[in-house]
């Protein structure tokens, strides 16, 4: 999969990978390319699951539970 991602990058679709200690490959791309990259990953023989994750909201203080921590 890593080799395929590197080859795919030459098609002008930005896709980069990262891994952790396990067998899971994380693919990073631009938000506007996420669906295209996900569809391409799903088409790869042996890919068992593709999940699209996006950044969550910015950090904020939850004042409704502030007294519970004191």
C-alpha atoms as a PDB file:
ATOM      1  CA  UNK A   1       0.000   0.000   0.000  1.00  0.00           C
ATOM      2  CA  UNK A   2       2.862   2.352   0.764  1.00  0.00           C
ATOM      3  CA  UNK A   3       4.329   1.824  -2.698  1.00  0.00           C
ATOM      4  CA  UNK A   4       0.917   2.412  -4.300  1.00  0.00           C
ATOM      5  CA  UNK A   5       0.466   5.636  -2.342  1.00  0.00           C
ATOM      6  CA  UNK A   6       3.843   6.906  -3.541  1.00  0.00           C
ATOM      7  CA  UNK A   7       2.928   6.039  -7.131  1.00  0.00           C
ATOM      8  CA  UNK A   8      -0.489   7.698  -6.786  1.00  0.00           C
ATOM      9  CA  UNK A   9       1.155  10.913  -5.664  1.00  0.00           C
ATOM     10  CA  UNK A  10       2.580  11.339  -9.168  1.00  0.00           C
ATOM     11  CA  UNK A  11      -0.981  11.802 -10.505  1.00  0.00           C
ATOM     12  CA  UNK A  12      -1.261  15.235  -8.882  1.00  0.00           C
ATOM     13  CA  UNK A  13      -3.412  13.895  -6.040  1.00  0.00           C
ATOM     14  CA  UNK A  14      -1.629  14.588  -2.773  1.00  0.00           C
ATOM     15  CA  UNK A  15      -1.551  11.449  -0.671  1.00  0.00           C
ATOM     16  CA  UNK A  16       0.995  10.707   2.031  1.00  0.00           C
ATOM     17  CA  UNK A  17       1.195   7.889   4.537  1.00  0.00           C
ATOM     18  CA  UNK A  18       2.104   7.333   8.140  1.00  0.00           C
ATOM     19  CA  UNK A  19       2.114   4.158  10.222  1.00  0.00           C
ATOM     20  CA  UNK A  20       2.195   3.144  13.839  1.00  0.00           C
ATOM     21  CA  UNK A  21       3.484  -0.048  15.441  1.00  0.00           C
ATOM     22  CA  UNK A  22       0.686  -2.101  13.905  1.00  0.00           C
ATOM     23  CA  UNK A  23      -0.251  -2.999  10.334  1.00  0.00           C
ATOM     24  CA  UNK A  24      -2.490   0.024   9.812  1.00  0.00           C
ATOM     25  CA  UNK A  25      -1.530   2.628   7.241  1.00  0.00           C
ATOM     26  CA  UNK A  26      -2.916   6.125   7.674  1.00  0.00           C
ATOM     27  CA  UNK A  27      -3.235   8.194   4.514  1.00  0.00           C
ATOM     28  CA  UNK A  28      -3.165  11.980   4.695  1.00  0.00           C
ATOM     29  CA  UNK A  29      -4.502  14.232   1.958  1.00  0.00           C
ATOM     30  CA  UNK A  30      -6.226  17.556   1.428  1.00  0.00           C
ATOM     31  CA  UNK A  31      -9.890  17.819   2.466  1.00  0.00           C
ATOM     32  CA  UNK A  32     -10.923  18.457  -1.137  1.00  0.00           C
ATOM     33  CA  UNK A  33      -9.253  15.177  -2.204  1.00  0.00           C
ATOM     34  CA  UNK A  34     -10.465  12.983   0.673  1.00  0.00           C
ATOM     35  CA  UNK A  35     -13.354  11.304  -1.145  1.00  0.00           C
ATOM     36  CA  UNK A  36     -11.281  10.647  -4.268  1.00  0.00           C
ATOM     37  CA  UNK A  37      -8.436   9.136  -2.250  1.00  0.00           C
ATOM     38  CA  UNK A  38     -10.858   7.055  -0.145  1.00  0.00           C
ATOM     39  CA  UNK A  39     -12.560   5.667  -3.254  1.00  0.00           C
ATOM     40  CA  UNK A  40      -9.180   4.805  -4.744  1.00  0.00           C
ATOM     41  CA  UNK A  41      -8.081   3.066  -1.528  1.00  0.00           C
ATOM     42  CA  UNK A  42     -11.294   1.027  -1.463  1.00  0.00           C
ATOM     43  CA  UNK A  43     -10.521  -0.228  -4.977  1.00  0.00           C
ATOM     44  CA  UNK A  44      -7.192  -1.757  -3.903  1.00  0.00           C
ATOM     45  CA  UNK A  45      -7.286  -5.522  -3.583  1.00  0.00           C
ATOM     46  CA  UNK A  46      -6.684  -6.443   0.040  1.00  0.00           C
ATOM     47  CA  UNK A  47      -7.807  -3.156   1.564  1.00  0.00           C
ATOM     48  CA  UNK A  48     -10.145  -4.306   4.311  1.00  0.00           C
ATOM     49  CA  UNK A  49     -11.471  -1.011   5.634  1.00  0.00           C
ATOM     50  CA  UNK A  50     -11.227   2.652   4.697  1.00  0.00           C
ATOM     51  CA  UNK A  51     -12.376   5.348   7.101  1.00  0.00           C
ATOM     52  CA  UNK A  52     -12.375   9.062   6.352  1.00  0.00           C
ATOM     53  CA  UNK A  53     -11.595  11.183   9.398  1.00  0.00           C
ATOM     54  CA  UNK A  54     -11.624  14.933   9.497  1.00  0.00           C
ATOM     55  CA  UNK A  55     -10.346  17.393  12.093  1.00  0.00           C
ATOM     56  CA  UNK A  56     -12.719  18.136  14.911  1.00  0.00           C
ATOM     57  CA  UNK A  57     -13.650  21.562  16.241  1.00  0.00           C
ATOM     58  CA  UNK A  58     -10.997  23.730  17.848  1.00  0.00           C
ATOM     59  CA  UNK A  59     -10.106  23.449  21.520  1.00  0.00           C
ATOM     60  CA  UNK A  60     -12.424  25.158  23.964  1.00  0.00           C
ATOM     61  CA  UNK A  61     -13.113  25.314  27.693  1.00  0.00           C
ATOM     62  CA  UNK A  62     -16.213  23.432  28.792  1.00  0.00           C
ATOM     63  CA  UNK A  63     -17.346  25.602  31.684  1.00  0.00           C
ATOM     64  CA  UNK A  64     -20.401  23.410  32.413  1.00  0.00           C
ATOM     65  CA  UNK A  65     -18.171  20.862  34.174  1.00  0.00           C
ATOM     66  CA  UNK A  66     -15.390  23.136  35.478  1.00  0.00           C
ATOM     67  CA  UNK A  67     -16.363  22.764  39.163  1.00  0.00           C
ATOM     68  CA  UNK A  68     -16.101  18.972  38.996  1.00  0.00           C
ATOM     69  CA  UNK A  69     -12.345  19.228  38.479  1.00  0.00           C
ATOM     70  CA  UNK A  70     -11.613  21.347  41.542  1.00  0.00           C
END
